[in-house]
Every structure is written in structure tokens, then in C-alpha cells.
């Protein structure tokens, strides 16, 4: 085998390993969750097995500061992790923007986390996607590290947080509109 082909093959194998690691879906710490996984990459946690959402806060792309706790406790909150350099993020972004507008009156709030991105590119991405919800800035991955139910390299990823401030569902990978809407509605119907 020539050296160039061997290096290319090794690179392909390493890339595949990284991508698979980024799509892992380990349950929360503490063992069995009773969670049901309806679609590959989607998990729903029953109310009796939910963990409190982490207390994260950061600057936003708009220049203000937002603590997740400020939006928890009344509405269902959708927390989406994305980056402008992420192809799947581009695929899901307009659908997320549409859902955030459509579901706002029903008590659903969206918050984004821009992951390890250049501010100018992130602002352009959010404007192009027509997002109107706050975007936390995570330049070094510290916020993502706090979201222990998500893989550290798995973006896009989305958490759905119930009205009591507990993580009720997640989607690892692109969250298409119909699938995310179904998960949000399921969580909103929980009592």
C-alpha cells in the first residue's frame, strides 16, 4: 500500500471514530432512567426520572447576559447547541426559528448556545436563520461541558426542559421541525 493511501485510510477511520463518539447517547448519571428512545438520537425522560437543568449563564450574541434560570420554571424551554461551521446546524436552524415563533404563545421558549465560534460568523448565521431568541456564547466549550446529557462533541444537540426546570428530552443531531415539535408537545402535556 502506498504511504499516501495509508494516511488517507487512517484519517478516514479516525474521522469515523470521532463522528460516532459525538453521536453517543449515554443515559444520565445514576443508572437506569426509564427513558424511552423513539427515534435514533431522540430520548424522552419520564417525569419521575428527570434531572434539574444545569445552572448555566453567559453573555449572549446580542451583548447582554442571560442565566438559563431566568427562563426556567414557567415555560417549556428548548436549549439548542449549534455553531456556524456545523452543516447539520444549518439544516435545522430555520425550522428552529419557525418553531420558536409558532410555539411562543403556547408557553415554549427557545435559547441557543453558540459553540466555539467566531462572533461575526455566529451573528451572521443567526440572522440568516431568522432566530429571534437569545443565543448564549460558548467560546471554549464550558457551557456544553455543563450539559452532561449531551456529548461533548455532538453538535447540533437539543435539550427540552419541562416547566419544573428538569431535562425532559433530548435530540442528538439535527432536530427537524416535526420531530422536535412532537417532543415539545409531549413534554408540554406532562403534569
C-alpha atoms as a PDB file:
ATOM      1  CA  UNK A   1       0.000   0.000   0.000  1.00  0.00           C
ATOM      2  CA  UNK A   2       1.437   3.397  -0.832  1.00  0.00           C
ATOM      3  CA  UNK A   3       2.052   5.826   2.023  1.00  0.00           C
ATOM      4  CA  UNK A   4      -0.491   8.426   0.804  1.00  0.00           C
ATOM      5  CA  UNK A   5      -3.295   5.867   0.611  1.00  0.00           C
ATOM      6  CA  UNK A   6      -2.425   4.541   4.082  1.00  0.00           C
ATOM      7  CA  UNK A   7      -2.536   8.028   5.599  1.00  0.00           C
ATOM      8  CA  UNK A   8      -5.862   8.743   3.878  1.00  0.00           C
ATOM      9  CA  UNK A   9      -7.323   5.468   5.159  1.00  0.00           C
ATOM     10  CA  UNK A  10      -6.123   6.179   8.710  1.00  0.00           C
ATOM     11  CA  UNK A  11      -7.616   9.685   8.531  1.00  0.00           C
ATOM     12  CA  UNK A  12     -10.964   8.260   7.359  1.00  0.00           C
ATOM     13  CA  UNK A  13     -11.028   5.729  10.206  1.00  0.00           C
ATOM     14  CA  UNK A  14     -10.200   8.410  12.793  1.00  0.00           C
ATOM     15  CA  UNK A  15     -12.877  10.736  11.399  1.00  0.00           C
ATOM     16  CA  UNK A  16     -15.472   7.952  11.586  1.00  0.00           C
ATOM     17  CA  UNK A  17     -14.499   7.248  15.207  1.00  0.00           C
ATOM     18  CA  UNK A  18     -14.855  10.927  16.157  1.00  0.00           C
ATOM     19  CA  UNK A  19     -18.249  11.216  14.462  1.00  0.00           C
ATOM     20  CA  UNK A  20     -19.547   8.093  16.184  1.00  0.00           C
ATOM     21  CA  UNK A  21     -18.276   9.305  19.554  1.00  0.00           C
ATOM     22  CA  UNK A  22     -20.070  12.611  19.014  1.00  0.00           C
ATOM     23  CA  UNK A  23     -23.355  10.799  18.478  1.00  0.00           C
ATOM     24  CA  UNK A  24     -23.282   8.755  21.665  1.00  0.00           C
ATOM     25  CA  UNK A  25     -26.383   8.753  23.814  1.00  0.00           C
ATOM     26  CA  UNK A  26     -25.415   7.634  27.290  1.00  0.00           C
ATOM     27  CA  UNK A  27     -28.102   7.875  29.982  1.00  0.00           C
ATOM     28  CA  UNK A  28     -27.784  10.401  32.796  1.00  0.00           C
ATOM     29  CA  UNK A  29     -25.562   9.553  35.744  1.00  0.00           C
ATOM     30  CA  UNK A  30     -27.242   7.333  38.264  1.00  0.00           C
ATOM     31  CA  UNK A  31     -28.081   4.333  36.129  1.00  0.00           C
ATOM     32  CA  UNK A  32     -31.451   3.410  34.668  1.00  0.00           C
ATOM     33  CA  UNK A  33     -33.601   6.344  33.698  1.00  0.00           C
ATOM     34  CA  UNK A  34     -36.704   4.659  32.437  1.00  0.00           C
ATOM     35  CA  UNK A  35     -36.190   6.802  29.346  1.00  0.00           C
ATOM     36  CA  UNK A  36     -37.739   5.797  26.081  1.00  0.00           C
ATOM     37  CA  UNK A  37     -35.929   6.371  22.825  1.00  0.00           C
ATOM     38  CA  UNK A  38     -38.425   6.749  19.990  1.00  0.00           C
ATOM     39  CA  UNK A  39     -36.015   7.705  17.209  1.00  0.00           C
ATOM     40  CA  UNK A  40     -32.276   7.228  16.945  1.00  0.00           C
ATOM     41  CA  UNK A  41     -30.793  10.278  18.636  1.00  0.00           C
ATOM     42  CA  UNK A  42     -34.014  11.239  20.425  1.00  0.00           C
ATOM     43  CA  UNK A  43     -34.678  10.495  24.079  1.00  0.00           C
ATOM     44  CA  UNK A  44     -37.698  11.229  26.247  1.00  0.00           C
ATOM     45  CA  UNK A  45     -37.269  11.106  30.048  1.00  0.00           C
ATOM     46  CA  UNK A  46     -40.411  10.300  32.080  1.00  0.00           C
ATOM     47  CA  UNK A  47     -41.229  12.867  34.804  1.00  0.00           C
ATOM     48  CA  UNK A  48     -40.102  10.566  37.626  1.00  0.00           C
ATOM     49  CA  UNK A  49     -36.600  10.254  36.132  1.00  0.00           C
ATOM     50  CA  UNK A  50     -35.717  13.835  35.236  1.00  0.00           C
ATOM     51  CA  UNK A  51     -32.709  15.796  36.404  1.00  0.00           C
ATOM     52  CA  UNK A  52     -32.668  19.537  37.041  1.00  0.00           C
ATOM     53  CA  UNK A  53     -31.318  21.576  34.161  1.00  0.00           C
ATOM     54  CA  UNK A  54     -27.826  22.910  34.885  1.00  0.00           C
ATOM     55  CA  UNK A  55     -27.411  26.466  36.143  1.00  0.00           C
ATOM     56  CA  UNK A  56     -25.593  27.937  33.174  1.00  0.00           C
ATOM     57  CA  UNK A  57     -25.217  31.598  32.292  1.00  0.00           C
ATOM     58  CA  UNK A  58     -23.190  33.557  29.782  1.00  0.00           C
ATOM     59  CA  UNK A  59     -23.006  36.563  27.511  1.00  0.00           C
ATOM     60  CA  UNK A  60     -25.315  36.487  24.508  1.00  0.00           C
ATOM     61  CA  UNK A  61     -24.543  37.254  20.875  1.00  0.00           C
ATOM     62  CA  UNK A  62     -26.571  40.461  21.347  1.00  0.00           C
ATOM     63  CA  UNK A  63     -24.196  41.602  24.109  1.00  0.00           C
ATOM     64  CA  UNK A  64     -26.417  41.087  27.146  1.00  0.00           C
ATOM     65  CA  UNK A  65     -26.119  38.398  29.828  1.00  0.00           C
ATOM     66  CA  UNK A  66     -28.567  35.526  30.319  1.00  0.00           C
ATOM     67  CA  UNK A  67     -28.850  32.899  33.019  1.00  0.00           C
ATOM     68  CA  UNK A  68     -30.823  29.820  31.997  1.00  0.00           C
ATOM     69  CA  UNK A  69     -32.529  30.012  35.397  1.00  0.00           C
ATOM     70  CA  UNK A  70     -34.133  33.288  34.262  1.00  0.00           C
ATOM     71  CA  UNK A  71     -36.266  31.442  31.693  1.00  0.00           C
ATOM     72  CA  UNK A  72     -36.930  28.210  33.595  1.00  0.00           C
ATOM     73  CA  UNK A  73     -39.857  27.321  35.818  1.00  0.00           C
ATOM     74  CA  UNK A  74     -42.860  28.545  33.840  1.00  0.00           C
ATOM     75  CA  UNK A  75     -42.440  27.666  30.181  1.00  0.00           C
ATOM     76  CA  UNK A  76     -41.072  24.650  28.347  1.00  0.00           C
ATOM     77  CA  UNK A  77     -37.548  25.633  27.281  1.00  0.00           C
ATOM     78  CA  UNK A  78     -35.772  24.340  24.189  1.00  0.00           C
ATOM     79  CA  UNK A  79     -31.987  24.640  24.504  1.00  0.00           C
ATOM     80  CA  UNK A  80     -30.189  24.133  21.185  1.00  0.00           C
ATOM     81  CA  UNK A  81     -26.402  23.849  20.826  1.00  0.00           C
ATOM     82  CA  UNK A  82     -25.085  24.930  17.410  1.00  0.00           C
ATOM     83  CA  UNK A  83     -22.207  26.529  15.504  1.00  0.00           C
ATOM     84  CA  UNK A  84     -21.999  28.403  12.222  1.00  0.00           C
ATOM     85  CA  UNK A  85     -19.431  25.922  10.907  1.00  0.00           C
ATOM     86  CA  UNK A  86     -21.754  22.941  11.511  1.00  0.00           C
ATOM     87  CA  UNK A  87     -23.536  21.657   8.381  1.00  0.00           C
ATOM     88  CA  UNK A  88     -26.375  19.945  10.305  1.00  0.00           C
ATOM     89  CA  UNK A  89     -26.903  23.170  12.274  1.00  0.00           C
ATOM     90  CA  UNK A  90     -27.585  24.976   9.009  1.00  0.00           C
ATOM     91  CA  UNK A  91     -30.129  22.305   8.096  1.00  0.00           C
ATOM     92  CA  UNK A  92     -32.078  22.669  11.351  1.00  0.00           C
ATOM     93  CA  UNK A  93     -31.762  26.411  12.012  1.00  0.00           C
ATOM     94  CA  UNK A  94     -34.706  27.776  10.012  1.00  0.00           C
ATOM     95  CA  UNK A  95     -37.028  25.090  11.410  1.00  0.00           C
ATOM     96  CA  UNK A  96     -35.994  26.016  14.951  1.00  0.00           C
ATOM     97  CA  UNK A  97     -36.677  29.677  14.198  1.00  0.00           C
ATOM     98  CA  UNK A  98     -40.140  28.847  12.814  1.00  0.00           C
ATOM     99  CA  UNK A  99     -40.986  26.664  15.827  1.00  0.00           C
ATOM    100  CA  UNK A 100     -39.837  29.312  18.296  1.00  0.00           C
ATOM    101  CA  UNK A 101     -42.241  31.795  16.715  1.00  0.00           C
ATOM    102  CA  UNK A 102     -45.115  29.333  16.313  1.00  0.00           C
ATOM    103  CA  UNK A 103     -44.937  27.942  19.861  1.00  0.00           C
ATOM    104  CA  UNK A 104     -44.172  31.118  21.815  1.00  0.00           C
ATOM    105  CA  UNK A 105     -47.846  31.787  22.611  1.00  0.00           C
ATOM    106  CA  UNK A 106     -48.152  28.209  23.912  1.00  0.00           C
ATOM    107  CA  UNK A 107     -45.502  28.783  26.584  1.00  0.00           C
ATOM    108  CA  UNK A 108     -42.395  27.487  24.794  1.00  0.00           C
ATOM    109  CA  UNK A 109     -39.149  29.474  24.889  1.00  0.00           C
ATOM    110  CA  UNK A 110     -36.007  28.826  22.872  1.00  0.00           C
ATOM    111  CA  UNK A 111     -32.406  29.546  23.869  1.00  0.00           C
ATOM    112  CA  UNK A 112     -29.388  28.798  21.701  1.00  0.00           C
ATOM    113  CA  UNK A 113     -25.790  28.094  22.631  1.00  0.00           C
ATOM    114  CA  UNK A 114     -23.266  29.129  20.004  1.00  0.00           C
ATOM    115  CA  UNK A 115     -20.393  26.700  20.355  1.00  0.00           C
ATOM    116  CA  UNK A 116     -16.734  27.659  19.781  1.00  0.00           C
ATOM    117  CA  UNK A 117     -17.460  30.119  17.007  1.00  0.00           C
ATOM    118  CA  UNK A 118     -16.278  33.466  15.681  1.00  0.00           C
ATOM    119  CA  UNK A 119     -18.741  36.138  16.851  1.00  0.00           C
ATOM    120  CA  UNK A 120     -19.156  37.708  13.407  1.00  0.00           C
ATOM    121  CA  UNK A 121     -19.922  34.356  11.782  1.00  0.00           C
ATOM    122  CA  UNK A 122     -22.294  33.405  14.590  1.00  0.00           C
ATOM    123  CA  UNK A 123     -24.232  36.675  14.296  1.00  0.00           C
ATOM    124  CA  UNK A 124     -24.493  36.262  10.517  1.00  0.00           C
ATOM    125  CA  UNK A 125     -25.668  32.662  10.953  1.00  0.00           C
ATOM    126  CA  UNK A 126     -28.360  33.638  13.498  1.00  0.00           C
ATOM    127  CA  UNK A 127     -29.549  36.499  11.290  1.00  0.00           C
ATOM    128  CA  UNK A 128     -29.693  34.271   8.204  1.00  0.00           C
ATOM    129  CA  UNK A 129     -31.653  31.642  10.135  1.00  0.00           C
ATOM    130  CA  UNK A 130     -34.005  34.392  11.359  1.00  0.00           C
ATOM    131  CA  UNK A 131     -33.706  33.376  15.003  1.00  0.00           C
ATOM    132  CA  UNK A 132     -35.279  35.845  17.411  1.00  0.00           C
ATOM    133  CA  UNK A 133     -34.364  34.048  20.617  1.00  0.00           C
ATOM    134  CA  UNK A 134     -31.275  34.620  22.795  1.00  0.00           C
ATOM    135  CA  UNK A 135     -28.023  32.897  21.851  1.00  0.00           C
ATOM    136  CA  UNK A 136     -25.518  32.208  24.632  1.00  0.00           C
ATOM    137  CA  UNK A 137     -21.861  32.394  23.588  1.00  0.00           C
ATOM    138  CA  UNK A 138     -19.656  29.405  24.492  1.00  0.00           C
ATOM    139  CA  UNK A 139     -16.192  30.168  23.096  1.00  0.00           C
ATOM    140  CA  UNK A 140     -14.356  27.445  24.996  1.00  0.00           C
ATOM    141  CA  UNK A 141     -16.934  24.675  25.430  1.00  0.00           C
ATOM    142  CA  UNK A 142     -17.504  25.375  29.140  1.00  0.00           C
ATOM    143  CA  UNK A 143     -21.298  25.625  28.807  1.00  0.00           C
ATOM    144  CA  UNK A 144     -21.515  22.436  26.752  1.00  0.00           C
ATOM    145  CA  UNK A 145     -19.434  20.673  29.416  1.00  0.00           C
ATOM    146  CA  UNK A 146     -22.163  21.575  31.953  1.00  0.00           C
ATOM    147  CA  UNK A 147     -24.800  19.862  29.801  1.00  0.00           C
ATOM    148  CA  UNK A 148     -23.830  16.348  30.837  1.00  0.00           C
ATOM    149  CA  UNK A 149     -26.713  14.710  28.954  1.00  0.00           C
ATOM    150  CA  UNK A 150     -25.146  15.851  25.673  1.00  0.00           C
ATOM    151  CA  UNK A 151     -21.955  14.522  24.115  1.00  0.00           C
ATOM    152  CA  UNK A 152     -19.067  16.989  24.288  1.00  0.00           C
ATOM    153  CA  UNK A 153     -18.565  16.835  20.519  1.00  0.00           C
ATOM    154  CA  UNK A 154     -22.167  16.303  19.465  1.00  0.00           C
ATOM    155  CA  UNK A 155     -23.499  19.399  17.804  1.00  0.00           C
ATOM    156  CA  UNK A 156     -26.121  20.112  16.960  1.00  0.00           C
ATOM    157  CA  UNK A 157     -27.830  18.871  20.075  1.00  0.00           C
ATOM    158  CA  UNK A 158     -31.057  19.969  21.722  1.00  0.00           C
ATOM    159  CA  UNK A 159     -32.493  19.640  25.222  1.00  0.00           C
ATOM    160  CA  UNK A 160     -36.173  20.112  26.029  1.00  0.00           C
ATOM    161  CA  UNK A 161     -36.684  21.292  29.608  1.00  0.00           C
ATOM    162  CA  UNK A 162     -40.051  20.926  31.343  1.00  0.00           C
ATOM    163  CA  UNK A 163     -41.986  23.593  33.248  1.00  0.00           C
ATOM    164  CA  UNK A 164     -40.360  22.480  36.502  1.00  0.00           C
ATOM    165  CA  UNK A 165     -36.866  23.165  35.125  1.00  0.00           C
ATOM    166  CA  UNK A 166     -35.948  19.496  34.554  1.00  0.00           C
ATOM    167  CA  UNK A 167     -34.470  17.962  31.413  1.00  0.00           C
ATOM    168  CA  UNK A 168     -37.329  16.034  29.808  1.00  0.00           C
ATOM    169  CA  UNK A 169     -35.943  15.188  26.398  1.00  0.00           C
ATOM    170  CA  UNK A 170     -33.011  15.499  24.059  1.00  0.00           C
ATOM    171  CA  UNK A 171     -32.144  15.190  20.416  1.00  0.00           C
ATOM    172  CA  UNK A 172     -28.575  14.457  19.439  1.00  0.00           C
ATOM    173  CA  UNK A 173     -28.033  15.511  15.866  1.00  0.00           C
ATOM    174  CA  UNK A 174     -30.202  17.767  13.730  1.00  0.00           C
ATOM    175  CA  UNK A 175     -33.641  18.448  15.206  1.00  0.00           C
ATOM    176  CA  UNK A 176     -36.062  18.526  12.300  1.00  0.00           C
ATOM    177  CA  UNK A 177     -39.241  20.523  12.814  1.00  0.00           C
ATOM    178  CA  UNK A 178     -41.833  17.718  13.048  1.00  0.00           C
ATOM    179  CA  UNK A 179     -39.743  15.567  15.380  1.00  0.00           C
ATOM    180  CA  UNK A 180     -38.877  18.457  17.698  1.00  0.00           C
ATOM    181  CA  UNK A 181     -42.491  19.669  17.734  1.00  0.00           C
ATOM    182  CA  UNK A 182     -43.694  16.194  18.778  1.00  0.00           C
ATOM    183  CA  UNK A 183     -41.132  16.051  21.597  1.00  0.00           C
ATOM    184  CA  UNK A 184     -42.025  19.560  22.807  1.00  0.00           C
ATOM    185  CA  UNK A 185     -45.755  18.747  22.759  1.00  0.00           C
ATOM    186  CA  UNK A 186     -45.150  15.517  24.668  1.00  0.00           C
ATOM    187  CA  UNK A 187     -43.200  17.392  27.354  1.00  0.00           C
ATOM    188  CA  UNK A 188     -45.755  20.230  27.475  1.00  0.00           C
ATOM    189  CA  UNK A 189     -48.537  17.678  28.091  1.00  0.00           C
ATOM    190  CA  UNK A 190     -46.734  16.198  31.130  1.00  0.00           C
ATOM    191  CA  UNK A 191     -48.141  17.028  34.515  1.00  0.00           C
END
